N, C-alpha and C. Protein backbone atom coordinates (compact mmCIF):
# COMPACT_ATOMS: atom_id res chain seq x y z
N MET A 1 -27.03 73.81 192.32
CA MET A 1 -26.05 73.27 193.24
C MET A 1 -24.66 73.67 192.78
N GLU A 2 -23.90 74.26 193.67
CA GLU A 2 -22.56 74.72 193.33
C GLU A 2 -21.54 73.64 193.69
N ILE A 3 -20.66 73.36 192.76
CA ILE A 3 -19.61 72.36 192.99
C ILE A 3 -18.28 73.11 193.10
N SER A 4 -17.54 72.80 194.15
CA SER A 4 -16.24 73.45 194.34
C SER A 4 -15.19 72.41 194.68
N LEU A 5 -13.96 72.82 194.67
CA LEU A 5 -12.86 71.93 195.01
C LEU A 5 -12.95 71.54 196.48
N PRO A 6 -12.56 70.33 196.83
CA PRO A 6 -12.61 69.92 198.23
C PRO A 6 -11.56 70.65 199.06
N THR A 7 -11.84 70.77 200.34
CA THR A 7 -10.89 71.36 201.27
C THR A 7 -9.77 70.35 201.49
N THR A 8 -8.54 70.79 201.41
CA THR A 8 -7.41 69.89 201.61
C THR A 8 -6.45 70.47 202.64
N VAL A 9 -5.75 69.58 203.27
CA VAL A 9 -4.72 69.97 204.22
C VAL A 9 -3.39 69.56 203.62
N GLN A 10 -2.49 70.51 203.50
CA GLN A 10 -1.19 70.22 202.93
C GLN A 10 -0.11 70.52 203.96
N PHE A 11 1.05 70.02 203.70
CA PHE A 11 2.17 70.17 204.60
C PHE A 11 3.27 70.94 203.88
N GLU A 12 3.89 71.89 204.53
CA GLU A 12 4.93 72.69 203.91
C GLU A 12 6.18 72.68 204.77
N VAL A 13 7.32 72.57 204.12
CA VAL A 13 8.61 72.60 204.80
C VAL A 13 9.27 73.94 204.48
N TYR A 14 9.80 74.60 205.50
CA TYR A 14 10.41 75.91 205.32
C TYR A 14 11.81 75.90 205.94
N ILE A 15 12.78 76.47 205.24
CA ILE A 15 14.14 76.63 205.77
C ILE A 15 14.41 78.11 205.92
N ASP A 16 14.78 78.51 207.13
CA ASP A 16 15.14 79.90 207.40
C ASP A 16 16.54 80.14 206.85
N PRO A 17 16.67 80.93 205.79
CA PRO A 17 17.98 81.13 205.16
C PRO A 17 18.99 81.84 206.07
N ASP A 18 18.51 82.60 207.03
CA ASP A 18 19.42 83.29 207.95
C ASP A 18 20.04 82.34 208.97
N ARG A 19 19.38 81.26 209.25
CA ARG A 19 19.87 80.30 210.25
C ARG A 19 20.59 79.11 209.61
N CYS A 20 20.26 78.80 208.36
CA CYS A 20 20.81 77.62 207.69
C CYS A 20 22.31 77.77 207.47
N GLY A 21 23.06 76.77 207.90
CA GLY A 21 24.50 76.78 207.70
C GLY A 21 24.94 75.91 206.54
N ASN A 22 23.96 75.42 205.75
CA ASN A 22 24.22 74.56 204.59
C ASN A 22 25.03 73.33 204.94
N SER A 23 24.73 72.73 206.10
CA SER A 23 25.42 71.52 206.51
C SER A 23 24.93 70.30 205.74
N CYS A 24 23.80 70.40 205.10
CA CYS A 24 23.21 69.36 204.26
C CYS A 24 22.81 68.10 205.03
N VAL A 25 22.66 68.19 206.34
CA VAL A 25 22.20 67.06 207.12
C VAL A 25 20.79 66.67 206.67
N CYS A 26 19.97 67.65 206.36
CA CYS A 26 18.59 67.39 205.92
C CYS A 26 18.56 66.59 204.62
N ILE A 27 19.48 66.87 203.73
CA ILE A 27 19.53 66.14 202.46
C ILE A 27 19.87 64.68 202.72
N ASP A 28 20.82 64.43 203.62
CA ASP A 28 21.23 63.06 203.93
C ASP A 28 20.15 62.29 204.70
N LEU A 29 19.41 62.97 205.57
CA LEU A 29 18.40 62.31 206.39
C LEU A 29 17.09 62.04 205.67
N CYS A 30 16.73 62.89 204.74
CA CYS A 30 15.41 62.81 204.12
C CYS A 30 15.34 61.68 203.09
N SER A 31 14.56 60.67 203.41
CA SER A 31 14.41 59.54 202.49
C SER A 31 13.42 59.84 201.37
N MET A 32 12.68 60.94 201.50
CA MET A 32 11.68 61.30 200.50
C MET A 32 12.23 62.24 199.42
N GLY A 33 13.42 62.75 199.60
CA GLY A 33 14.02 63.63 198.59
C GLY A 33 13.43 65.03 198.57
N VAL A 34 13.04 65.53 199.73
CA VAL A 34 12.44 66.85 199.82
C VAL A 34 13.46 67.95 199.55
N PHE A 35 14.68 67.77 200.01
CA PHE A 35 15.69 68.84 199.97
C PHE A 35 16.68 68.66 198.83
N GLU A 36 17.09 69.79 198.26
CA GLU A 36 18.11 69.81 197.22
C GLU A 36 19.03 71.00 197.45
N LYS A 37 20.28 70.84 197.05
CA LYS A 37 21.22 71.95 197.17
C LYS A 37 21.44 72.54 195.78
N LYS A 38 21.14 73.84 195.67
CA LYS A 38 21.33 74.56 194.41
C LYS A 38 21.95 75.91 194.71
N ASP A 39 22.89 76.28 193.92
CA ASP A 39 23.57 77.58 194.06
C ASP A 39 24.16 77.77 195.46
N GLY A 40 24.63 76.68 196.07
CA GLY A 40 25.27 76.77 197.37
C GLY A 40 24.34 76.83 198.56
N SER A 41 23.02 76.74 198.33
CA SER A 41 22.04 76.80 199.42
C SER A 41 21.11 75.59 199.35
N VAL A 42 20.60 75.20 200.50
CA VAL A 42 19.66 74.08 200.58
C VAL A 42 18.24 74.61 200.55
N TYR A 43 17.40 73.98 199.72
CA TYR A 43 16.00 74.39 199.59
C TYR A 43 15.09 73.17 199.65
N PRO A 44 13.88 73.31 200.18
CA PRO A 44 12.91 72.20 200.15
C PRO A 44 12.12 72.21 198.84
N TRP A 45 12.77 71.91 197.73
CA TRP A 45 12.16 72.01 196.41
C TRP A 45 10.98 71.06 196.26
N ASN A 46 11.04 69.93 196.93
CA ASN A 46 9.98 68.92 196.78
C ASN A 46 9.17 68.80 198.07
N SER A 47 8.75 69.91 198.61
CA SER A 47 8.03 69.95 199.87
C SER A 47 6.77 69.08 199.83
N HIS A 48 6.18 68.93 198.67
CA HIS A 48 4.96 68.13 198.53
C HIS A 48 5.19 66.64 198.78
N LEU A 49 6.45 66.20 198.78
CA LEU A 49 6.78 64.80 199.02
C LEU A 49 6.97 64.47 200.50
N CYS A 50 6.95 65.47 201.35
CA CYS A 50 7.20 65.29 202.78
C CYS A 50 6.20 64.31 203.40
N CYS A 51 6.72 63.37 204.20
CA CYS A 51 5.86 62.38 204.86
C CYS A 51 5.67 62.69 206.35
N SER A 52 6.11 63.85 206.79
CA SER A 52 5.92 64.33 208.17
C SER A 52 6.65 63.48 209.22
N CYS A 53 7.84 63.03 208.91
CA CYS A 53 8.61 62.26 209.90
C CYS A 53 9.35 63.18 210.87
N PHE A 54 9.55 64.44 210.48
CA PHE A 54 10.18 65.49 211.29
C PHE A 54 11.66 65.22 211.62
N LYS A 55 12.32 64.31 210.90
CA LYS A 55 13.75 64.06 211.13
C LYS A 55 14.57 65.30 210.80
N CYS A 56 14.21 65.99 209.75
CA CYS A 56 14.96 67.18 209.35
C CYS A 56 14.89 68.24 210.44
N ASN A 57 13.72 68.42 210.99
CA ASN A 57 13.51 69.41 212.05
C ASN A 57 14.27 69.04 213.31
N GLU A 58 14.28 67.77 213.63
CA GLU A 58 14.91 67.29 214.86
C GLU A 58 16.44 67.32 214.81
N PHE A 59 17.01 66.98 213.66
CA PHE A 59 18.46 66.81 213.57
C PHE A 59 19.21 67.95 212.90
N CYS A 60 18.52 69.00 212.47
CA CYS A 60 19.21 70.14 211.88
C CYS A 60 20.07 70.81 212.95
N PRO A 61 21.38 70.89 212.76
CA PRO A 61 22.25 71.46 213.79
C PRO A 61 22.03 72.96 214.00
N HIS A 62 21.42 73.62 213.04
CA HIS A 62 21.20 75.07 213.13
C HIS A 62 19.75 75.42 213.48
N HIS A 63 18.90 74.39 213.61
CA HIS A 63 17.48 74.58 213.92
C HIS A 63 16.83 75.56 212.93
N ALA A 64 17.15 75.37 211.66
CA ALA A 64 16.68 76.27 210.61
C ALA A 64 15.43 75.75 209.90
N ILE A 65 15.02 74.52 210.17
CA ILE A 65 13.91 73.92 209.44
C ILE A 65 12.65 73.92 210.29
N SER A 66 11.58 74.38 209.70
CA SER A 66 10.29 74.32 210.37
C SER A 66 9.28 73.72 209.40
N THR A 67 8.27 73.13 209.96
CA THR A 67 7.22 72.52 209.17
C THR A 67 5.89 73.12 209.60
N ARG A 68 4.97 73.22 208.67
CA ARG A 68 3.68 73.80 209.02
C ARG A 68 2.57 73.20 208.15
N TRP A 69 1.39 73.16 208.74
CA TRP A 69 0.21 72.68 208.04
C TRP A 69 -0.46 73.86 207.33
N ILE A 70 -0.98 73.59 206.16
CA ILE A 70 -1.66 74.61 205.37
C ILE A 70 -3.03 74.08 204.99
N LEU A 71 -4.06 74.84 205.29
CA LEU A 71 -5.43 74.45 204.94
C LEU A 71 -5.82 75.17 203.65
N ARG A 72 -6.14 74.40 202.64
CA ARG A 72 -6.59 74.97 201.37
C ARG A 72 -8.10 74.76 201.27
N ALA A 73 -8.81 75.87 201.23
CA ALA A 73 -10.27 75.76 201.16
C ALA A 73 -10.77 76.29 199.84
């Protein structure tokens, strides 16, 4: 009998650097602390903490944030 890791579904947050205006609205809105500003740019460093509320996606003035599901098998 072969034992393997279970299939999991994860959530990933992505910021398009070409569209991001570094307004930092996502940092202020995110209660989970997903976003951080480093070296003058905003990054989703803690994407694993995302609770899928989609506030960042909805209120980003530059529409630079997208979220996607990832299936790990």
